[in-house]
Amino acid sequence: MDNIKILIVDDEPDILEILQYNLEKEGYQVVTASDGEEAIAVAEREQPNLIILDIMMPKMDGVEVCRILRSKPDFDRTAIAFLTAREEDYSQIAALDVGGDDYITKPIRPRVFISRIKALLRRSDRLPQEEGLDVVKVGDLAIDRDRVSVQRGDELIELAKKEFELLFLLVSKPGKVFSREEIFNKVWGTDVIVGNRTIDVHIRKLREKIGEDYIKTIKGIGYKFEF
């Protein structure tokens, strides 16, 4: 784990200290920042594998930091997790909408925290490398972008265009929870008006075609792909 670098961003020194201690004990390299503006500078300099962002910070909050980093090509595939003391759904949804991969609520229990971080890093290692590829392989599925189809072994699964686009979005980051709003924006576009049940219908059809086990429902938030 010596080659895995993690950036922790929080304005509370005690939290920085305890998280850094527990991560370094597991063998990770750790760098820190205490506000949003410093976080961007450190991230650009250090190019970490994972960024842990507190949501509520001075100068610039974690959601805005994530938005800025995700706009930069160097951070397209960097894992980003949020720390939040808030339990409200809107805080979690805002974090996911700007490209966060996970969120961890305070107060933080070190063992649970380390377990979540390891799981997030494992998921990041398994991301399908889609750039420049006509076929993305994930689990036992081969997803053909040109044919707008999915193949499992010798079985060819034909998908409607929006079904395929929805599947490809979910597959782009296995384990990441995509909020309903993010799915609407990326698959249907912000200028298209569709019914509230549109996503649910497409998810149901995808499950009927590729199997029930791949797409998980996260109640009150959205969906994720697992294999």
C-alpha atoms as a PDB file:
ATOM      1  CA  MET A   1       0.000   0.000   0.000  1.00  0.00           C
ATOM      2  CA  ASP A   2       3.057   2.255   0.079  1.00  0.00           C
ATOM      3  CA  ASN A   3       2.264   3.498  -3.423  1.00  0.00           C
ATOM      4  CA  ILE A   4      -1.315   4.531  -2.585  1.00  0.00           C
ATOM      5  CA  LYS A   5      -1.575   8.199  -1.674  1.00  0.00           C
ATOM      6  CA  ILE A   6      -4.591   9.640   0.138  1.00  0.00           C
ATOM      7  CA  LEU A   7      -5.434  13.324   0.608  1.00  0.00           C
ATOM      8  CA  ILE A   8      -7.552  14.187   3.678  1.00  0.00           C
ATOM      9  CA  VAL A   9      -9.237  17.603   3.765  1.00  0.00           C
ATOM     10  CA  ASP A  10     -10.856  18.839   6.972  1.00  0.00           C
ATOM     11  CA  ASP A  11     -10.758  22.084   8.958  1.00  0.00           C
ATOM     12  CA  GLU A  12     -10.756  20.244  12.302  1.00  0.00           C
ATOM     13  CA  PRO A  13      -7.146  19.382  13.332  1.00  0.00           C
ATOM     14  CA  ASP A  14      -8.266  16.554  15.634  1.00  0.00           C
ATOM     15  CA  ILE A  15     -10.070  14.781  12.805  1.00  0.00           C
ATOM     16  CA  LEU A  16      -7.121  15.231  10.446  1.00  0.00           C
ATOM     17  CA  GLU A  17      -4.798  13.778  13.068  1.00  0.00           C
ATOM     18  CA  ILE A  18      -6.873  10.689  13.871  1.00  0.00           C
ATOM     19  CA  LEU A  19      -7.645   9.882  10.230  1.00  0.00           C
ATOM     20  CA  GLN A  20      -4.032  10.361   9.193  1.00  0.00           C
ATOM     21  CA  TYR A  21      -2.844   8.147  12.053  1.00  0.00           C
ATOM     22  CA  ASN A  22      -5.224   5.303  11.165  1.00  0.00           C
ATOM     23  CA  LEU A  23      -4.494   5.442   7.443  1.00  0.00           C
ATOM     24  CA  GLU A  24      -0.729   5.554   7.911  1.00  0.00           C
ATOM     25  CA  LYS A  25      -1.001   2.618  10.298  1.00  0.00           C
ATOM     26  CA  GLU A  26      -2.507   0.677   7.370  1.00  0.00           C
ATOM     27  CA  GLY A  27       0.447   1.596   5.184  1.00  0.00           C
ATOM     28  CA  TYR A  28      -1.014   4.408   3.087  1.00  0.00           C
ATOM     29  CA  GLN A  29       0.811   7.625   2.208  1.00  0.00           C
ATOM     30  CA  VAL A  30      -1.189  10.551   3.583  1.00  0.00           C
ATOM     31  CA  VAL A  31      -1.188  14.269   2.783  1.00  0.00           C
ATOM     32  CA  THR A  32      -3.566  16.789   4.317  1.00  0.00           C
ATOM     33  CA  ALA A  33      -5.244  20.140   3.740  1.00  0.00           C
ATOM     34  CA  SER A  34      -7.370  22.257   6.069  1.00  0.00           C
ATOM     35  CA  ASP A  35      -9.614  24.167   3.650  1.00  0.00           C
ATOM     36  CA  GLY A  36     -11.041  23.916   0.159  1.00  0.00           C
ATOM     37  CA  GLU A  37      -8.581  26.193  -1.618  1.00  0.00           C
ATOM     38  CA  GLU A  38      -5.597  24.393  -0.102  1.00  0.00           C
ATOM     39  CA  ALA A  39      -7.196  21.060  -1.052  1.00  0.00           C
ATOM     40  CA  ILE A  40      -7.156  21.915  -4.758  1.00  0.00           C
ATOM     41  CA  ALA A  41      -3.523  23.047  -4.636  1.00  0.00           C
ATOM     42  CA  VAL A  42      -2.394  19.930  -2.745  1.00  0.00           C
ATOM     43  CA  ALA A  43      -4.411  17.619  -5.013  1.00  0.00           C
ATOM     44  CA  GLU A  44      -2.852  19.122  -8.141  1.00  0.00           C
ATOM     45  CA  ARG A  45       0.636  18.844  -6.666  1.00  0.00           C
ATOM     46  CA  GLU A  46       0.372  15.371  -5.104  1.00  0.00           C
ATOM     47  CA  GLN A  47      -2.057  13.605  -7.516  1.00  0.00           C
ATOM     48  CA  PRO A  48      -3.526  11.310  -4.829  1.00  0.00           C
ATOM     49  CA  ASN A  49      -5.343   8.050  -5.557  1.00  0.00           C
ATOM     50  CA  LEU A  50      -8.121   8.976  -3.139  1.00  0.00           C
ATOM     51  CA  ILE A  51      -9.388  12.296  -1.766  1.00  0.00           C
ATOM     52  CA  ILE A  52     -11.412  12.462   1.459  1.00  0.00           C
ATOM     53  CA  LEU A  53     -13.313  15.765   1.637  1.00  0.00           C
ATOM     54  CA  ASP A  54     -15.185  17.316   4.526  1.00  0.00           C
ATOM     55  CA  ILE A  55     -18.326  18.972   3.181  1.00  0.00           C
ATOM     56  CA  MET A  56     -18.457  21.979   5.521  1.00  0.00           C
ATOM     57  CA  MET A  57     -15.184  23.938   5.287  1.00  0.00           C
ATOM     58  CA  PRO A  58     -14.057  27.581   5.203  1.00  0.00           C
ATOM     59  CA  LYS A  59     -13.206  29.401   1.957  1.00  0.00           C
ATOM     60  CA  MET A  60     -14.707  26.651  -0.231  1.00  0.00           C
ATOM     61  CA  ASP A  61     -16.901  23.714   0.751  1.00  0.00           C
ATOM     62  CA  GLY A  62     -16.200  20.128  -0.203  1.00  0.00           C
ATOM     63  CA  VAL A  63     -18.934  19.964  -2.829  1.00  0.00           C
ATOM     64  CA  GLU A  64     -17.403  22.886  -4.740  1.00  0.00           C
ATOM     65  CA  VAL A  65     -13.906  21.397  -4.388  1.00  0.00           C
ATOM     66  CA  CYS A  66     -15.172  18.142  -5.884  1.00  0.00           C
ATOM     67  CA  ARG A  67     -16.913  19.997  -8.707  1.00  0.00           C
ATOM     68  CA  ILE A  68     -13.696  21.830  -9.610  1.00  0.00           C
ATOM     69  CA  LEU A  69     -11.517  18.718  -9.434  1.00  0.00           C
ATOM     70  CA  ARG A  70     -13.933  16.662 -11.532  1.00  0.00           C
ATOM     71  CA  SER A  71     -13.744  19.352 -14.234  1.00  0.00           C
ATOM     72  CA  LYS A  72     -10.016  18.630 -14.592  1.00  0.00           C
ATOM     73  CA  PRO A  73      -8.992  15.599 -16.719  1.00  0.00           C
ATOM     74  CA  ASP A  74      -6.330  14.561 -14.178  1.00  0.00           C
ATOM     75  CA  PHE A  75      -9.064  13.783 -11.638  1.00  0.00           C
ATOM     76  CA  ASP A  76     -11.603  12.012 -13.846  1.00  0.00           C
ATOM     77  CA  ARG A  77     -10.904   8.669 -12.233  1.00  0.00           C
ATOM     78  CA  THR A  78      -9.637   9.765  -8.800  1.00  0.00           C
ATOM     79  CA  ALA A  79     -11.747   8.262  -6.016  1.00  0.00           C
ATOM     80  CA  ILE A  80     -13.447  10.952  -3.904  1.00  0.00           C
ATOM     81  CA  ALA A  81     -15.239  10.332  -0.597  1.00  0.00           C
ATOM     82  CA  PHE A  82     -17.036  12.917   1.517  1.00  0.00           C
ATOM     83  CA  LEU A  83     -17.061  13.366   5.273  1.00  0.00           C
ATOM     84  CA  THR A  84     -20.244  14.874   6.656  1.00  0.00           C
ATOM     85  CA  ALA A  85     -21.845  15.306  10.044  1.00  0.00           C
ATOM     86  CA  ARG A  86     -25.165  15.791   8.306  1.00  0.00           C
ATOM     87  CA  GLU A  87     -27.716  13.013   7.967  1.00  0.00           C
ATOM     88  CA  GLU A  88     -29.978  14.903   5.549  1.00  0.00           C
ATOM     89  CA  ASP A  89     -30.501  13.281   2.185  1.00  0.00           C
ATOM     90  CA  TYR A  90     -29.861  16.540   0.313  1.00  0.00           C
ATOM     91  CA  SER A  91     -26.296  16.738   1.652  1.00  0.00           C
ATOM     92  CA  GLN A  92     -25.522  13.215   0.509  1.00  0.00           C
ATOM     93  CA  ILE A  93     -27.211  13.709  -2.859  1.00  0.00           C
ATOM     94  CA  ALA A  94     -25.317  16.969  -3.477  1.00  0.00           C
ATOM     95  CA  ALA A  95     -22.050  15.128  -2.795  1.00  0.00           C
ATOM     96  CA  LEU A  96     -22.886  12.370  -5.268  1.00  0.00           C
ATOM     97  CA  ASP A  97     -24.229  14.749  -7.915  1.00  0.00           C
ATOM     98  CA  VAL A  98     -20.874  16.518  -8.311  1.00  0.00           C
ATOM     99  CA  GLY A  99     -18.981  13.245  -8.784  1.00  0.00           C
ATOM    100  CA  GLY A 100     -18.374  11.911  -5.279  1.00  0.00           C
ATOM    101  CA  ASP A 101     -17.980   8.139  -5.039  1.00  0.00           C
ATOM    102  CA  ASP A 102     -19.043   7.679  -1.428  1.00  0.00           C
ATOM    103  CA  TYR A 103     -19.832   9.553   1.774  1.00  0.00           C
ATOM    104  CA  ILE A 104     -18.902   8.772   5.376  1.00  0.00           C
ATOM    105  CA  THR A 105     -20.862  10.282   8.247  1.00  0.00           C
ATOM    106  CA  LYS A 106     -19.389  11.676  11.442  1.00  0.00           C
ATOM    107  CA  PRO A 107     -18.716  10.737  14.198  1.00  0.00           C
ATOM    108  CA  ILE A 108     -16.133   8.489  12.577  1.00  0.00           C
ATOM    109  CA  ARG A 109     -15.388   5.026  13.911  1.00  0.00           C
ATOM    110  CA  PRO A 110     -11.806   4.171  12.858  1.00  0.00           C
ATOM    111  CA  ARG A 111     -12.411   0.503  12.018  1.00  0.00           C
ATOM    112  CA  VAL A 112     -15.489   1.284   9.956  1.00  0.00           C
ATOM    113  CA  PHE A 113     -13.674   4.188   8.300  1.00  0.00           C
ATOM    114  CA  ILE A 114     -10.728   2.011   7.250  1.00  0.00           C
ATOM    115  CA  SER A 115     -13.075  -0.669   5.960  1.00  0.00           C
ATOM    116  CA  ARG A 116     -14.953   1.872   3.822  1.00  0.00           C
ATOM    117  CA  ILE A 117     -11.702   3.302   2.456  1.00  0.00           C
ATOM    118  CA  LYS A 118     -10.382  -0.140   1.502  1.00  0.00           C
ATOM    119  CA  ALA A 119     -13.661  -0.976  -0.229  1.00  0.00           C
ATOM    120  CA  LEU A 120     -13.579   2.304  -2.141  1.00  0.00           C
ATOM    121  CA  LEU A 121     -10.004   1.717  -3.294  1.00  0.00           C
ATOM    122  CA  ARG A 122     -10.863  -1.828  -4.396  1.00  0.00           C
ATOM    123  CA  ARG A 123     -13.768  -0.488  -6.442  1.00  0.00           C
ATOM    124  CA  SER A 124     -11.511   2.125  -8.024  1.00  0.00           C
ATOM    125  CA  ASP A 125      -9.059  -0.578  -9.087  1.00  0.00           C
ATOM    126  CA  ARG A 126     -11.892  -2.403 -10.843  1.00  0.00           C
ATOM    127  CA  LEU A 127     -13.149   0.526 -12.917  1.00  0.00           C
ATOM    128  CA  PRO A 128     -13.484  -0.491 -16.562  1.00  0.00           C
ATOM    129  CA  GLN A 129     -11.051   1.405 -18.739  1.00  0.00           C
ATOM    130  CA  GLU A 130     -13.530   2.619 -21.341  1.00  0.00           C
ATOM    131  CA  GLU A 131     -11.486   5.248 -23.148  1.00  0.00           C
ATOM    132  CA  GLY A 132     -10.664   4.173 -26.682  1.00  0.00           C
ATOM    133  CA  LEU A 133     -12.416   0.827 -26.307  1.00  0.00           C
ATOM    134  CA  ASP A 134     -15.352  -0.390 -28.378  1.00  0.00           C
ATOM    135  CA  VAL A 135     -16.104  -3.184 -25.904  1.00  0.00           C
ATOM    136  CA  VAL A 136     -16.051  -2.796 -22.122  1.00  0.00           C
ATOM    137  CA  LYS A 137     -15.834  -6.032 -20.136  1.00  0.00           C
ATOM    138  CA  VAL A 138     -17.176  -6.037 -16.597  1.00  0.00           C
ATOM    139  CA  GLY A 139     -17.970  -9.220 -14.695  1.00  0.00           C
ATOM    140  CA  ASP A 140     -19.339 -11.722 -17.218  1.00  0.00           C
ATOM    141  CA  LEU A 141     -20.757  -8.978 -19.435  1.00  0.00           C
ATOM    142  CA  ALA A 142     -19.202  -7.560 -22.606  1.00  0.00           C
ATOM    143  CA  ILE A 143     -20.730  -4.176 -23.434  1.00  0.00           C
ATOM    144  CA  ASP A 144     -20.358  -3.190 -27.086  1.00  0.00           C
ATOM    145  CA  ARG A 145     -20.648   0.561 -27.653  1.00  0.00           C
ATOM    146  CA  ASP A 146     -20.874   0.322 -31.442  1.00  0.00           C
ATOM    147  CA  ARG A 147     -23.596  -2.331 -31.480  1.00  0.00           C
ATOM    148  CA  VAL A 148     -25.428  -0.858 -28.477  1.00  0.00           C
ATOM    149  CA  SER A 149     -25.675  -4.358 -27.063  1.00  0.00           C
ATOM    150  CA  VAL A 150     -24.518  -6.568 -24.249  1.00  0.00           C
ATOM    151  CA  GLN A 151     -23.142 -10.078 -24.584  1.00  0.00           C
ATOM    152  CA  ARG A 152     -22.978 -12.686 -21.814  1.00  0.00           C
ATOM    153  CA  GLY A 153     -21.137 -15.748 -23.066  1.00  0.00           C
ATOM    154  CA  ASP A 154     -22.837 -16.718 -26.325  1.00  0.00           C
ATOM    155  CA  GLU A 155     -26.010 -14.822 -25.454  1.00  0.00           C
ATOM    156  CA  LEU A 156     -26.493 -11.496 -27.247  1.00  0.00           C
ATOM    157  CA  ILE A 157     -28.687  -9.039 -25.328  1.00  0.00           C
ATOM    158  CA  GLU A 158     -30.258  -6.272 -27.377  1.00  0.00           C
ATOM    159  CA  LEU A 159     -30.945  -3.009 -25.559  1.00  0.00           C
ATOM    160  CA  ALA A 160     -32.884   0.104 -26.432  1.00  0.00           C
ATOM    161  CA  LYS A 161     -30.720   3.218 -26.773  1.00  0.00           C
ATOM    162  CA  LYS A 162     -31.628   4.756 -23.405  1.00  0.00           C
ATOM    163  CA  GLU A 163     -31.365   1.379 -21.654  1.00  0.00           C
ATOM    164  CA  PHE A 164     -27.847   1.055 -23.021  1.00  0.00           C
ATOM    165  CA  GLU A 165     -26.869   4.602 -22.057  1.00  0.00           C
ATOM    166  CA  LEU A 166     -28.180   4.053 -18.527  1.00  0.00           C
ATOM    167  CA  LEU A 167     -26.302   0.763 -18.188  1.00  0.00           C
ATOM    168  CA  PHE A 168     -23.093   2.267 -19.543  1.00  0.00           C
ATOM    169  CA  LEU A 169     -23.309   5.137 -17.056  1.00  0.00           C
ATOM    170  CA  LEU A 170     -23.714   2.766 -14.104  1.00  0.00           C
ATOM    171  CA  VAL A 171     -20.945   0.467 -15.368  1.00  0.00           C
ATOM    172  CA  SER A 172     -18.551   3.410 -15.764  1.00  0.00           C
ATOM    173  CA  LYS A 173     -18.043   3.384 -11.983  1.00  0.00           C
ATOM    174  CA  PRO A 174     -18.975   0.069 -10.363  1.00  0.00           C
ATOM    175  CA  GLY A 175     -20.005   0.542  -6.745  1.00  0.00           C
ATOM    176  CA  LYS A 176     -20.638   4.284  -7.117  1.00  0.00           C
ATOM    177  CA  VAL A 177     -24.126   5.421  -6.188  1.00  0.00           C
ATOM    178  CA  PHE A 178     -25.616   7.546  -8.969  1.00  0.00           C
ATOM    179  CA  SER A 179     -28.388   9.821  -7.754  1.00  0.00           C
ATOM    180  CA  ARG A 180     -31.613   9.999  -9.750  1.00  0.00           C
ATOM    181  CA  GLU A 181     -30.876  13.605 -10.703  1.00  0.00           C
ATOM    182  CA  GLU A 182     -27.415  12.697 -11.988  1.00  0.00           C
ATOM    183  CA  ILE A 183     -28.882   9.863 -14.070  1.00  0.00           C
ATOM    184  CA  PHE A 184     -31.534  12.166 -15.530  1.00  0.00           C
ATOM    185  CA  ASN A 185     -28.946  14.801 -16.443  1.00  0.00           C
ATOM    186  CA  LYS A 186     -26.427  12.416 -18.011  1.00  0.00           C
ATOM    187  CA  VAL A 187     -28.794  10.043 -19.808  1.00  0.00           C
ATOM    188  CA  TRP A 188     -31.758  12.235 -20.752  1.00  0.00           C
ATOM    189  CA  GLY A 189     -30.253  15.724 -20.465  1.00  0.00           C
ATOM    190  CA  THR A 190     -31.449  18.701 -18.473  1.00  0.00           C
ATOM    191  CA  ASP A 191     -33.604  20.027 -21.321  1.00  0.00           C
ATOM    192  CA  VAL A 192     -35.673  16.852 -21.667  1.00  0.00           C
ATOM    193  CA  ILE A 193     -38.797  16.454 -19.565  1.00  0.00           C
ATOM    194  CA  VAL A 194     -39.552  12.862 -18.575  1.00  0.00           C
ATOM    195  CA  GLY A 195     -41.806  11.315 -15.971  1.00  0.00           C
ATOM    196  CA  ASN A 196     -40.677  10.467 -12.464  1.00  0.00           C
ATOM    197  CA  ARG A 197     -41.025   6.752 -13.181  1.00  0.00           C
ATOM    198  CA  THR A 198     -38.851   6.815 -16.302  1.00  0.00           C
ATOM    199  CA  ILE A 199     -35.678   5.698 -14.551  1.00  0.00           C
ATOM    200  CA  ASP A 200     -37.507   2.988 -12.613  1.00  0.00           C
ATOM    201  CA  VAL A 201     -39.003   1.561 -15.811  1.00  0.00           C
ATOM    202  CA  HIS A 202     -35.614   1.492 -17.549  1.00  0.00           C
ATOM    203  CA  ILE A 203     -33.964  -0.125 -14.515  1.00  0.00           C
ATOM    204  CA  ARG A 204     -36.682  -2.790 -14.446  1.00  0.00           C
ATOM    205  CA  LYS A 205     -36.173  -3.545 -18.138  1.00  0.00           C
ATOM    206  CA  LEU A 206     -32.387  -3.731 -17.700  1.00  0.00           C
ATOM    207  CA  ARG A 207     -32.762  -6.175 -14.829  1.00  0.00           C
ATOM    208  CA  GLU A 208     -35.062  -8.328 -16.943  1.00  0.00           C
ATOM    209  CA  LYS A 209     -32.460  -8.433 -19.718  1.00  0.00           C
ATOM    210  CA  ILE A 210     -29.116  -8.684 -17.905  1.00  0.00           C
ATOM    211  CA  GLY A 211     -30.200 -10.221 -14.592  1.00  0.00           C
ATOM    212  CA  GLU A 212     -31.424  -9.026 -11.222  1.00  0.00           C
ATOM    213  CA  ASP A 213     -28.102  -9.036  -9.369  1.00  0.00           C
ATOM    214  CA  TYR A 214     -26.093  -6.315 -11.123  1.00  0.00           C
ATOM    215  CA  ILE A 215     -28.057  -3.131 -10.419  1.00  0.00           C
ATOM    216  CA  LYS A 216     -28.747  -2.271  -6.776  1.00  0.00           C
ATOM    217  CA  THR A 217     -31.321   0.222  -5.526  1.00  0.00           C
ATOM    218  CA  ILE A 218     -30.126   2.674  -2.865  1.00  0.00           C
ATOM    219  CA  LYS A 219     -33.345   3.787  -1.204  1.00  0.00           C
ATOM    220  CA  GLY A 220     -33.964   7.521  -1.343  1.00  0.00           C
ATOM    221  CA  ILE A 221     -30.890   8.224  -3.480  1.00  0.00           C
ATOM    222  CA  GLY A 222     -30.496   6.213  -6.685  1.00  0.00           C
ATOM    223  CA  TYR A 223     -28.787   3.161  -8.147  1.00  0.00           C
ATOM    224  CA  LYS A 224     -25.376   1.503  -8.413  1.00  0.00           C
ATOM    225  CA  PHE A 225     -23.818  -1.324 -10.431  1.00  0.00           C
ATOM    226  CA  GLU A 226     -22.077  -4.204  -8.653  1.00  0.00           C
ATOM    227  CA  PHE A 227     -20.497  -7.442  -9.853  1.00  0.00           C
END
